[in-house]
Amino acid sequence: MKFALAQLNYTIGDIDGNTSKIIAAVERAKREGADVVIFAEQAISGTPAFDLLRKTTFLELCEDALERIASHCDSIAAVVGSPILTTEGIQSAALVLEHGRIRYSISKQHITARREMGFLNGGDGMATVTIAGEKVAIVVGDDFRSIKRIDPNVRTLININARRYGKGVMSRRYDVIHNMAYVEAKNIIFVNQVGGSGEIVYDGTSGVMSADGNLILLTKSFEEDFGLYDTEANYPPFQMPDEFFRHDRTEQLYRAAVVGLRDYFHKNGYTKACVGLSGGIDSSIVACIAADALGKENVRGLMMPSQFSSDHSVADAMLLAESLGIEYNVLPITEAYTSMVNTLKPVIGGREFDSTEENIQARIRTIMLMALQNKTGYVLLNSSNKSENALGLCTLYGDTAGAFSVTGDLYKTEMYDLARFINRRFDNIIPENILAKEPSSELHPGQKDSDILPPYEVVDAILMRMIEQGQHREEIINAGFEGEVVEKIHAMIMHNEKKRYQFPPVLRLSSCAFGHERLMPLINKYGD
């Protein structure tokens, strides 16, 4: 039996466009002699569709699309993912199309992702069906992890899925598939979505694991791809790419960020992006990702020094922009800042310089960046990182602004890893001085992040334990971290939930993104 794996990039709500892609892949599979062609979960609708799933007309259009696709399935069978309306409610199903009609519907039983809870209902789960004269088992989404027993007469299990990318998930995913294939002695075909869908990016990386637990086919990551698998052929074991197992998965992070940003822009009809270039590490990385994702001709930088900015920061930002080949302007904010502070003297005059004056600078810069967006259509990219977002080291309506944050789910130390990777890949495009300088927002004379925090290597180690691993403060202190520092970081995290509620959309690149896997009440007196 010959299977085709169609790994495609779908757009939420573009039912006609998604259907056309699916039909084109069906026709290709027919030309290449496949018996069955397999598509990802919710391929027709795109996912996550959220409240679109509550619209009857939306579901009817998905049903019409299935009929259109089925009309092309005369000499081939197809397994297609789509939301369907049943007597039990809206379900995520794998539809088997054969002989020009819908023959089977297998609905997902376990709704495990928060983005689906409240929108989808569970169905009956895995089923054994006959396709092209052979028995196969079909399972949708995370039902794969809950399989209890597979029909002994089945040789091949098909899992259609929409598994988002997150640091380390690929190797864990294939460990699960390997164990299932080896223990159950079944060939397992896994087909995943690929591409950016708002705050999510799907990595694709579909494949086939043989009954003896060997990977024999793997499609590309972060790209559309098409693969063929013949159950009667002999395949040498496929060598898993090194990046699946390296502790440093920075290349995957970079590719996910580029795809996530590119699809967010292109699927929304945006073409141009602007970045506030400070000469620091964060804005430099965002500019590099934007130039790669959108083309250097579509990226513009603004450098907005104040009287507190160092000369080398402006010089470093200019050097970066020139190395990238992006357009830029230097627009000092000193006059605007002085005017604003003088205007406010009846309210704030006679008091010591503090965060008030610092925040005024950040907000003036945002006014200028938003003016550029409004007047010329350059959509503002946020340049935050997860460490600062966690601790509240950011200004509401200032450096928290932007239409999209491509790096807001990456810790500060990961930003340095990305910078070093970018320099290896693109011939040291980020000036070395940007990597070497001590982190600073340059909002008052001589300011450094280390004035209030230990080095970011320590901060991030604590944050990862608190956020990603859910460890209690006592566990972290017992692991050797200074108690006073741990308590301070915990208090800063808890105190700044109100800021995180007002962030722009953040591309989810970790396993525990704020507002999704980690969602705290806006009012919270628990504090432990």
Protein backbone atom coordinates (compact mmCIF):
# COMPACT_ATOMS: atom_id res chain seq x y z
CA MET A 1 0.00 0.00 0.00
CA LYS A 2 1.39 3.40 -0.98
CA PHE A 3 0.74 6.44 1.21
CA ALA A 4 1.36 10.09 0.35
CA LEU A 5 2.03 12.56 3.18
CA ALA A 6 0.87 16.07 2.22
CA GLN A 7 2.34 18.62 4.64
CA LEU A 8 0.76 21.97 3.76
CA ASN A 9 0.57 25.52 5.14
CA TYR A 10 -3.09 26.40 5.73
CA THR A 11 -4.70 29.75 6.53
CA ILE A 12 -7.43 29.98 9.16
CA GLY A 13 -10.78 30.73 7.52
CA ASP A 14 -9.47 30.52 3.94
CA ILE A 15 -11.57 27.48 3.16
CA ASP A 16 -11.39 27.97 -0.62
CA GLY A 17 -7.62 28.47 -0.58
CA ASN A 18 -7.03 25.51 1.74
CA THR A 19 -9.32 23.31 -0.37
CA SER A 20 -7.50 24.24 -3.56
CA LYS A 21 -4.18 23.24 -1.94
CA ILE A 22 -5.64 19.94 -0.81
CA ILE A 23 -7.09 19.14 -4.23
CA ALA A 24 -3.75 19.96 -5.91
CA ALA A 25 -2.02 17.54 -3.51
CA VAL A 26 -4.66 14.85 -4.21
CA GLU A 27 -3.98 15.17 -7.93
CA ARG A 28 -0.22 14.99 -7.35
CA ALA A 29 -0.64 11.87 -5.21
CA LYS A 30 -2.68 10.26 -8.00
CA ARG A 31 0.05 11.03 -10.55
CA GLU A 32 2.66 9.50 -8.26
CA GLY A 33 0.70 6.30 -7.83
CA ALA A 34 -0.38 6.64 -4.19
CA ASP A 35 -3.32 4.65 -2.84
CA VAL A 36 -3.98 7.09 0.03
CA VAL A 37 -3.06 10.73 0.58
CA ILE A 38 -3.06 12.10 4.14
CA PHE A 39 -3.55 15.69 5.34
CA ALA A 40 -3.25 17.32 8.77
CA GLU A 41 -5.88 17.87 11.44
CA GLN A 42 -8.32 20.71 10.62
CA ALA A 43 -6.67 21.17 7.23
CA ILE A 44 -9.79 22.57 5.60
CA SER A 45 -10.53 25.21 8.24
CA GLY A 46 -7.04 26.02 9.50
CA THR A 47 -6.49 26.10 13.23
CA PRO A 48 -6.96 27.47 15.86
CA ALA A 49 -10.27 28.81 14.54
CA PHE A 50 -11.73 29.65 17.97
CA ASP A 51 -15.23 31.17 17.65
CA LEU A 52 -15.33 30.60 13.90
CA LEU A 53 -16.17 27.05 14.95
CA ARG A 54 -19.43 28.32 16.44
CA LYS A 55 -20.60 29.71 13.10
CA THR A 56 -22.94 27.34 11.29
CA THR A 57 -22.10 28.87 7.92
CA PHE A 58 -18.39 28.26 8.54
CA LEU A 59 -18.99 24.59 9.27
CA GLU A 60 -21.27 24.30 6.24
CA LEU A 61 -18.53 25.68 4.02
CA CYS A 62 -16.14 23.09 5.46
CA GLU A 63 -18.69 20.38 4.64
CA ASP A 64 -19.05 21.70 1.09
CA ALA A 65 -15.26 21.67 0.75
CA LEU A 66 -15.16 18.00 1.77
CA GLU A 67 -17.62 17.22 -1.01
CA ARG A 68 -15.44 19.07 -3.53
CA ILE A 69 -12.35 17.17 -2.41
CA ALA A 70 -14.21 13.85 -2.44
CA SER A 71 -15.15 14.39 -6.08
CA HIS A 72 -11.42 14.15 -6.89
CA CYS A 73 -11.02 10.93 -4.91
CA ASP A 74 -12.07 8.48 -7.59
CA SER A 75 -8.91 6.40 -7.99
CA ILE A 76 -7.41 7.36 -4.64
CA ALA A 77 -8.47 7.67 -1.00
CA ALA A 78 -7.80 10.73 1.14
CA VAL A 79 -7.71 11.30 4.90
CA VAL A 80 -8.56 14.94 5.53
CA GLY A 81 -8.89 16.85 8.80
CA SER A 82 -11.85 19.17 9.31
CA PRO A 83 -14.19 20.45 12.02
CA ILE A 84 -17.63 18.88 11.73
CA LEU A 85 -20.99 19.49 13.37
CA THR A 86 -22.48 16.38 15.03
CA THR A 87 -25.29 15.65 17.45
CA GLU A 88 -22.64 15.79 20.22
CA GLY A 89 -21.48 19.24 19.10
CA ILE A 90 -18.50 20.48 17.07
CA GLN A 91 -15.72 17.93 16.71
CA SER A 92 -12.29 17.71 15.10
CA ALA A 93 -12.45 14.79 12.72
CA ALA A 94 -10.49 12.80 10.19
CA LEU A 95 -12.70 12.23 7.15
CA VAL A 96 -11.91 9.32 4.85
CA LEU A 97 -12.83 10.19 1.27
CA GLU A 98 -12.99 7.37 -1.27
CA HIS A 99 -14.96 6.53 -4.42
CA GLY A 100 -16.10 10.14 -4.67
CA ARG A 101 -17.78 10.30 -1.26
CA ILE A 102 -17.19 10.55 2.47
CA ARG A 103 -16.89 6.98 3.75
CA TYR A 104 -15.80 7.37 7.38
CA SER A 105 -15.57 10.03 10.05
CA ILE A 106 -13.27 9.57 13.06
CA SER A 107 -13.52 12.29 15.72
CA LYS A 108 -10.95 13.28 18.32
CA GLN A 109 -11.89 12.15 21.83
CA HIS A 110 -9.47 14.05 24.08
CA ILE A 111 -9.50 17.85 23.91
CA THR A 112 -6.21 18.73 25.60
CA ALA A 113 -5.15 22.11 24.17
CA ARG A 114 -6.55 25.21 25.89
CA ARG A 115 -7.07 26.82 22.50
CA GLU A 116 -9.64 24.10 21.71
CA MET A 117 -11.38 23.77 25.06
CA GLY A 118 -14.84 25.30 24.94
CA PHE A 119 -14.88 25.20 21.14
CA LEU A 120 -14.59 21.48 20.42
CA ASN A 121 -16.36 18.46 21.89
CA GLY A 122 -14.88 15.00 22.26
CA GLY A 123 -15.89 12.15 19.98
CA ASP A 124 -15.37 8.40 19.99
CA GLY A 125 -11.66 8.48 19.26
CA MET A 126 -9.52 6.04 17.29
CA ALA A 127 -11.22 3.75 14.78
CA THR A 128 -10.20 0.92 12.47
CA VAL A 129 -11.40 1.33 8.88
CA THR A 130 -10.74 -0.27 5.52
CA ILE A 131 -9.09 1.96 2.93
CA ALA A 132 -8.04 0.77 -0.52
CA GLY A 133 -8.84 -2.75 0.61
CA GLU A 134 -6.60 -2.72 3.70
CA LYS A 135 -7.37 -2.22 7.37
CA VAL A 136 -5.79 0.84 8.98
CA ALA A 137 -6.28 2.58 12.31
CA ILE A 138 -6.86 6.34 12.31
CA VAL A 139 -6.41 8.61 15.31
CA VAL A 140 -6.76 12.39 15.55
CA GLY A 141 -4.57 14.78 17.52
CA ASP A 142 -3.49 13.94 21.06
CA ASP A 143 -5.68 10.85 21.15
CA PHE A 144 -2.46 9.22 19.95
CA ARG A 145 -1.04 9.49 23.47
CA SER A 146 -4.08 7.73 24.96
CA ILE A 147 -4.27 4.67 22.72
CA LYS A 148 -5.10 1.60 24.78
CA ARG A 149 -5.36 -1.17 22.20
CA ILE A 150 -4.93 -1.42 18.44
CA ASP A 151 -6.64 -4.07 16.31
CA PRO A 152 -4.02 -6.84 15.86
CA ASN A 153 -4.99 -7.12 12.18
CA VAL A 154 -3.90 -3.54 11.54
CA ARG A 155 -0.40 -2.98 10.17
CA THR A 156 -0.52 0.81 9.86
CA LEU A 157 -1.75 3.55 12.19
CA ILE A 158 -2.37 7.06 10.82
CA ASN A 159 -2.23 10.07 13.13
CA ILE A 160 -3.30 13.44 11.72
CA ASN A 161 -2.36 16.29 13.99
CA ALA A 162 -1.89 20.01 14.55
CA ARG A 163 1.01 20.05 16.99
CA ARG A 164 2.56 23.48 17.47
CA TYR A 165 6.26 24.04 17.72
CA GLY A 166 7.85 24.54 21.11
CA LYS A 167 11.42 24.21 22.32
CA GLY A 168 12.31 20.53 22.62
CA VAL A 169 8.95 19.18 21.47
CA MET A 170 10.22 17.49 18.32
CA SER A 171 12.52 15.03 20.06
CA ARG A 172 9.87 14.29 22.71
CA ARG A 173 7.22 13.80 20.02
CA TYR A 174 9.31 11.27 18.15
CA ASP A 175 10.21 9.44 21.34
CA VAL A 176 6.47 8.86 21.88
CA ILE A 177 5.96 7.73 18.27
CA HIS A 178 9.00 5.45 18.41
CA ASN A 179 7.81 3.79 21.62
CA MET A 180 4.30 3.26 20.24
CA ALA A 181 5.60 1.78 16.97
CA TYR A 182 8.02 -0.54 18.74
CA VAL A 183 5.67 -1.72 21.49
CA GLU A 184 2.63 -2.18 19.24
CA ALA A 185 4.65 -3.38 16.20
CA LYS A 186 2.76 -1.03 13.87
CA ASN A 187 3.85 1.28 11.11
CA ILE A 188 2.92 4.80 12.23
CA ILE A 189 2.29 7.69 9.85
CA PHE A 190 2.22 11.15 11.42
CA VAL A 191 1.07 14.19 9.40
CA ASN A 192 1.28 17.62 11.00
CA GLN A 193 0.35 21.17 10.04
CA VAL A 194 3.11 23.60 9.08
CA GLY A 195 3.40 27.40 9.10
CA GLY A 196 2.35 30.32 11.24
CA SER A 197 -1.19 30.70 12.55
CA GLY A 198 -1.26 33.90 14.58
CA GLU A 199 0.60 33.34 17.84
CA ILE A 200 1.33 29.71 16.94
CA VAL A 201 3.78 28.21 14.50
CA TYR A 202 3.46 24.60 13.37
CA ASP A 203 6.73 22.88 12.55
CA GLY A 204 5.44 20.19 10.18
CA THR A 205 8.15 17.52 10.51
CA SER A 206 5.74 14.76 9.51
CA GLY A 207 7.05 11.24 9.08
CA VAL A 208 6.79 7.47 9.14
CA MET A 209 8.03 5.17 11.90
CA SER A 210 8.31 1.51 10.95
CA ALA A 211 6.96 -1.33 13.08
CA ASP A 212 10.45 -2.03 14.44
CA GLY A 213 10.75 1.53 15.72
CA ASN A 214 12.98 2.94 12.97
CA LEU A 215 12.27 6.32 11.44
CA ILE A 216 12.13 5.78 7.68
CA LEU A 217 10.67 9.06 6.39
CA LEU A 218 10.79 12.62 7.68
CA THR A 219 9.47 15.67 5.89
CA LYS A 220 11.01 19.12 6.18
CA SER A 221 10.54 21.31 9.23
CA PHE A 222 8.86 24.73 8.82
CA GLU A 223 8.25 24.15 5.09
CA GLU A 224 5.58 22.60 2.94
CA ASP A 225 6.60 19.13 1.81
CA PHE A 226 5.31 15.95 0.19
CA GLY A 227 6.49 12.42 0.94
CA LEU A 228 5.70 8.89 -0.27
CA TYR A 229 5.74 5.71 1.79
CA ASP A 230 5.20 2.19 0.43
CA THR A 231 4.47 -0.49 3.03
CA GLU A 232 5.96 -3.15 0.74
CA ALA A 233 9.26 -1.36 0.14
CA ASN A 234 12.47 -1.79 2.13
CA TYR A 235 13.82 1.42 3.59
CA PRO A 236 17.14 2.03 5.29
CA PRO A 237 16.78 3.69 8.71
CA PHE A 238 16.50 7.45 8.43
CA GLN A 239 19.10 9.42 10.36
CA MET A 240 17.35 11.89 12.64
CA PRO A 241 18.79 15.41 12.16
CA ASP A 242 21.24 16.45 14.86
CA GLU A 243 19.19 19.46 15.91
CA PHE A 244 16.51 17.09 17.28
CA PHE A 245 18.87 16.00 20.02
CA ARG A 246 21.20 18.92 20.63
CA HIS A 247 20.60 20.75 23.87
CA ASP A 248 21.04 23.93 21.82
CA ARG A 249 18.08 24.06 19.44
CA THR A 250 18.74 27.64 18.43
CA GLU A 251 18.49 26.98 14.69
CA GLN A 252 14.98 25.63 15.14
CA LEU A 253 14.04 28.66 17.24
CA TYR A 254 15.31 30.98 14.54
CA ARG A 255 13.46 29.17 11.75
CA ALA A 256 10.26 29.09 13.81
CA ALA A 257 10.52 32.83 14.46
CA VAL A 258 11.08 33.64 10.79
CA VAL A 259 8.16 31.48 9.62
CA GLY A 260 5.89 32.75 12.40
CA LEU A 261 6.59 36.40 11.56
CA ARG A 262 6.39 35.89 7.79
CA ASP A 263 3.03 34.11 7.95
CA TYR A 264 1.60 36.57 10.49
CA PHE A 265 2.34 39.38 8.05
CA HIS A 266 1.50 37.72 4.77
CA LYS A 267 -1.69 36.03 5.94
CA ASN A 268 -2.90 39.37 7.36
CA GLY A 269 -1.96 41.27 4.21
CA TYR A 270 0.89 43.23 5.82
CA THR A 271 4.12 43.77 3.90
CA LYS A 272 6.31 46.26 5.78
CA ALA A 273 7.65 46.36 9.34
CA CYS A 274 9.36 48.98 11.48
CA VAL A 275 11.62 48.44 14.49
CA GLY A 276 12.90 50.83 17.13
CA LEU A 277 16.66 50.23 17.00
CA SER A 278 18.36 51.01 20.30
CA GLY A 279 21.73 49.44 19.68
CA GLY A 280 20.76 46.66 22.10
CA ILE A 281 20.54 42.92 21.58
CA ASP A 282 16.74 42.57 21.47
CA SER A 283 15.90 45.10 18.76
CA SER A 284 18.90 43.91 16.74
CA ILE A 285 17.58 40.35 16.65
CA VAL A 286 14.05 41.48 15.76
CA ALA A 287 15.45 43.51 12.87
CA CYS A 288 17.44 40.51 11.62
CA ILE A 289 14.42 38.19 11.79
CA ALA A 290 12.23 40.78 10.06
CA ALA A 291 14.73 41.31 7.23
CA ASP A 292 14.93 37.55 6.68
CA ALA A 293 11.16 37.01 6.89
CA LEU A 294 9.96 40.03 4.92
CA GLY A 295 12.95 41.14 2.84
CA LYS A 296 15.33 43.93 3.77
CA GLU A 297 13.50 46.34 1.46
CA ASN A 298 10.39 45.98 3.64
CA VAL A 299 12.01 46.78 7.01
CA ARG A 300 12.72 50.22 8.43
CA GLY A 301 14.47 51.18 11.64
CA LEU A 302 14.16 54.27 13.80
CA MET A 303 16.96 55.27 16.17
CA MET A 304 15.62 57.63 18.81
CA PRO A 305 18.42 58.62 21.18
CA SER A 306 17.86 60.77 24.24
CA GLN A 307 20.40 62.73 26.25
CA PHE A 308 20.97 59.52 28.24
CA SER A 309 21.83 57.39 25.19
CA SER A 310 25.47 56.53 24.66
CA ASP A 311 27.12 57.48 21.39
CA HIS A 312 28.19 53.91 20.75
CA SER A 313 24.57 52.67 20.95
CA VAL A 314 23.55 54.91 18.06
CA ALA A 315 26.69 53.95 16.12
CA ASP A 316 26.04 50.24 16.75
CA ALA A 317 22.42 50.55 15.61
CA MET A 318 23.47 52.40 12.43
CA LEU A 319 26.11 49.76 11.68
CA LEU A 320 23.54 46.99 12.11
CA ALA A 321 21.03 48.72 9.82
CA GLU A 322 23.68 49.27 7.16
CA SER A 323 24.84 45.64 7.41
CA LEU A 324 21.25 44.45 7.00
CA GLY A 325 20.64 46.88 4.17
CA ILE A 326 17.48 48.30 5.73
CA GLU A 327 16.34 51.91 5.61
CA TYR A 328 16.76 53.88 8.82
CA ASN A 329 16.46 57.32 10.37
CA VAL A 330 18.03 58.90 13.45
CA LEU A 331 15.44 61.04 15.26
CA PRO A 332 16.59 62.34 18.67
CA ILE A 333 13.86 62.64 21.32
CA THR A 334 15.68 65.12 23.59
CA GLU A 335 13.59 68.10 22.56
CA ALA A 336 10.30 66.22 22.81
CA TYR A 337 11.30 64.78 26.20
CA THR A 338 12.29 68.19 27.60
CA SER A 339 9.07 69.74 26.34
CA MET A 340 6.98 66.98 27.90
CA VAL A 341 8.72 67.20 31.29
CA ASN A 342 8.43 70.98 31.30
CA THR A 343 4.73 70.76 30.44
CA LEU A 344 4.23 68.37 33.36
CA LYS A 345 6.07 70.56 35.90
CA PRO A 346 2.86 71.77 37.58
CA VAL A 347 2.07 68.10 38.30
CA ILE A 348 5.44 66.38 38.79
CA GLY A 349 7.88 69.26 39.23
CA GLY A 350 10.14 69.47 42.26
CA ARG A 351 10.45 65.72 42.67
CA GLU A 352 13.42 63.46 42.09
CA PHE A 353 14.02 61.76 38.74
CA ASP A 354 12.47 58.26 38.77
CA SER A 355 10.55 55.82 36.59
CA THR A 356 8.18 58.63 35.59
CA GLU A 357 10.84 60.30 33.45
CA GLU A 358 12.10 56.92 32.23
CA ASN A 359 8.63 55.90 31.05
CA ILE A 360 8.09 59.23 29.30
CA GLN A 361 11.10 58.44 27.10
CA ALA A 362 9.79 54.99 26.19
CA ARG A 363 6.34 56.36 25.39
CA ILE A 364 7.69 59.17 23.22
CA ARG A 365 9.56 56.57 21.18
CA THR A 366 6.37 54.56 20.75
CA ILE A 367 4.48 57.67 19.60
CA MET A 368 7.11 58.15 16.89
CA LEU A 369 7.07 54.52 15.79
CA MET A 370 3.28 54.47 15.68
CA ALA A 371 3.31 57.69 13.64
CA LEU A 372 5.54 55.92 11.12
CA GLN A 373 3.10 52.99 11.06
CA ASN A 374 0.04 55.20 10.64
CA LYS A 375 1.55 57.43 7.96
CA THR A 376 3.49 54.91 5.87
CA GLY A 377 2.09 51.46 6.70
CA TYR A 378 5.22 50.09 8.39
CA VAL A 379 3.70 47.79 11.03
CA LEU A 380 5.44 48.11 14.40
CA LEU A 381 7.26 45.05 15.73
CA ASN A 382 7.69 44.71 19.46
CA SER A 383 11.25 44.00 20.68
CA SER A 384 10.64 42.51 24.13
CA ASN A 385 11.97 39.30 25.66
CA LYS A 386 10.47 36.86 28.14
CA SER A 387 12.82 37.74 31.02
CA GLU A 388 11.78 41.40 31.00
CA ASN A 389 8.12 40.49 30.42
CA ALA A 390 8.22 38.15 33.40
CA LEU A 391 9.77 40.71 35.72
CA GLY A 392 7.83 43.73 34.48
CA LEU A 393 10.98 45.51 33.28
CA CYS A 394 9.02 47.18 30.51
CA THR A 395 6.86 50.27 30.05
CA LEU A 396 3.17 49.94 29.37
CA TYR A 397 2.26 51.86 26.20
CA GLY A 398 6.00 52.23 25.64
CA ASP A 399 8.26 49.30 24.82
CA THR A 400 5.36 46.87 25.32
CA ALA A 401 3.66 48.33 22.23
CA GLY A 402 3.57 46.78 18.77
CA ALA A 403 1.37 44.73 16.47
CA PHE A 404 3.35 41.52 17.04
CA SER A 405 6.14 40.27 19.30
CA VAL A 406 8.33 37.68 17.63
CA THR A 407 10.77 37.32 20.57
CA GLY A 408 8.56 37.90 23.63
CA ASP A 409 8.60 34.18 24.52
CA LEU A 410 12.40 33.94 24.52
CA TYR A 411 14.52 34.54 27.61
CA LYS A 412 17.34 37.10 27.55
CA THR A 413 20.03 34.41 27.48
CA GLU A 414 18.26 32.80 24.51
CA MET A 415 18.42 36.15 22.73
CA TYR A 416 22.21 36.04 23.01
CA ASP A 417 22.17 32.46 21.69
CA LEU A 418 20.10 33.67 18.72
CA ALA A 419 22.48 36.57 18.10
CA ARG A 420 25.47 34.24 17.99
CA PHE A 421 23.59 31.89 15.64
CA ILE A 422 22.64 34.80 13.35
CA ASN A 423 26.26 35.92 13.22
CA ARG A 424 27.40 32.41 12.30
CA ARG A 425 24.73 32.16 9.61
CA PHE A 426 25.03 35.70 8.21
CA ASP A 427 28.70 36.57 8.54
CA ASN A 428 28.69 38.57 11.79
CA ILE A 429 25.91 40.91 10.77
CA ILE A 430 25.27 41.96 14.40
CA PRO A 431 28.16 44.14 15.61
CA GLU A 432 30.24 42.45 18.28
CA ASN A 433 29.85 45.48 20.54
CA ILE A 434 26.11 44.81 20.77
CA LEU A 435 26.83 41.33 22.12
CA ALA A 436 29.60 42.48 24.43
CA LYS A 437 27.95 45.48 26.11
CA GLU A 438 26.18 45.09 29.43
CA PRO A 439 22.37 45.13 29.09
CA SER A 440 20.89 48.59 29.69
CA SER A 441 17.76 50.50 28.75
CA GLU A 442 19.75 53.77 28.91
CA LEU A 443 16.87 55.67 30.51
CA HIS A 444 19.00 57.44 33.10
CA PRO A 445 22.73 58.18 33.36
CA GLY A 446 24.86 55.06 33.80
CA GLN A 447 21.83 52.76 34.07
CA LYS A 448 22.50 49.00 33.86
CA ASP A 449 20.11 46.05 34.36
CA SER A 450 22.61 44.61 36.84
CA ASP A 451 21.87 47.55 39.18
CA ILE A 452 18.75 45.70 40.34
CA LEU A 453 19.32 42.13 39.17
CA PRO A 454 22.03 39.47 39.18
CA PRO A 455 23.40 38.41 35.76
CA TYR A 456 20.75 37.16 33.34
CA GLU A 457 22.28 33.69 33.41
CA VAL A 458 21.15 33.49 37.04
CA VAL A 459 17.86 35.32 36.49
CA ASP A 460 16.87 33.08 33.57
CA ALA A 461 17.83 29.89 35.38
CA ILE A 462 15.43 30.89 38.18
CA LEU A 463 12.71 32.03 35.76
CA MET A 464 12.85 28.78 33.79
CA ARG A 465 12.44 26.78 36.97
CA MET A 466 9.50 28.92 38.12
CA ILE A 467 7.70 29.25 34.80
CA GLU A 468 8.63 26.33 32.54
CA GLN A 469 9.00 23.71 35.27
CA GLY A 470 6.54 25.08 37.84
CA GLN A 471 8.97 24.74 40.75
CA HIS A 472 8.20 26.28 44.12
CA ARG A 473 10.59 28.84 45.57
CA GLU A 474 11.78 26.38 48.20
CA GLU A 475 12.81 23.89 45.50
CA ILE A 476 14.78 26.58 43.70
CA ILE A 477 16.51 27.75 46.87
CA ASN A 478 17.32 24.14 47.76
CA ALA A 479 18.90 23.79 44.32
CA GLY A 480 21.49 26.37 45.39
CA PHE A 481 20.06 29.75 44.39
CA GLU A 482 20.22 32.67 46.82
CA GLY A 483 16.98 32.92 48.78
CA GLU A 484 16.72 36.71 48.67
CA VAL A 485 17.12 36.73 44.88
CA VAL A 486 14.55 33.97 44.40
CA GLU A 487 12.01 35.80 46.58
CA LYS A 488 12.61 39.06 44.73
CA ILE A 489 12.14 37.48 41.31
CA HIS A 490 8.98 35.68 42.45
CA ALA A 491 7.52 38.93 43.79
CA MET A 492 8.30 40.73 40.52
CA ILE A 493 6.59 38.02 38.47
CA MET A 494 3.47 38.04 40.62
CA HIS A 495 3.26 41.84 40.73
CA ASN A 496 3.33 42.35 36.96
CA GLU A 497 0.52 40.15 35.66
CA LYS A 498 -1.42 43.33 34.81
CA LYS A 499 1.28 44.28 32.32
CA ARG A 500 1.25 40.90 30.61
CA TYR A 501 -2.51 41.19 30.11
CA GLN A 502 -1.80 44.21 27.88
CA PHE A 503 1.02 42.81 25.73
CA PRO A 504 0.74 42.53 21.95
CA PRO A 505 0.35 39.05 20.46
CA VAL A 506 3.50 37.07 21.31
CA LEU A 507 4.74 34.25 19.09
CA ARG A 508 4.71 31.12 21.23
CA LEU A 509 8.10 29.43 21.03
CA SER A 510 8.35 27.84 24.48
CA SER A 511 6.38 25.08 26.16
CA CYS A 512 4.93 27.55 28.69
CA ALA A 513 3.93 30.85 27.12
CA PHE A 514 2.39 33.63 29.20
CA GLY A 515 -1.37 33.89 28.73
CA HIS A 516 -1.70 30.35 27.38
CA GLU A 517 0.05 27.55 29.25
CA ARG A 518 0.60 30.00 32.12
CA LEU A 519 -2.45 32.13 32.79
CA MET A 520 -2.82 33.79 36.19
CA PRO A 521 -5.80 35.76 37.54
CA LEU A 522 -5.60 39.51 37.11
CA ILE A 523 -6.50 39.78 40.82
CA ASN A 524 -4.57 37.26 42.87
CA LYS A 525 -4.01 37.23 46.64
CA TYR A 526 -2.62 33.69 46.75
CA GLY A 527 0.96 34.72 46.08
CA ASP A 528 2.62 31.35 46.78
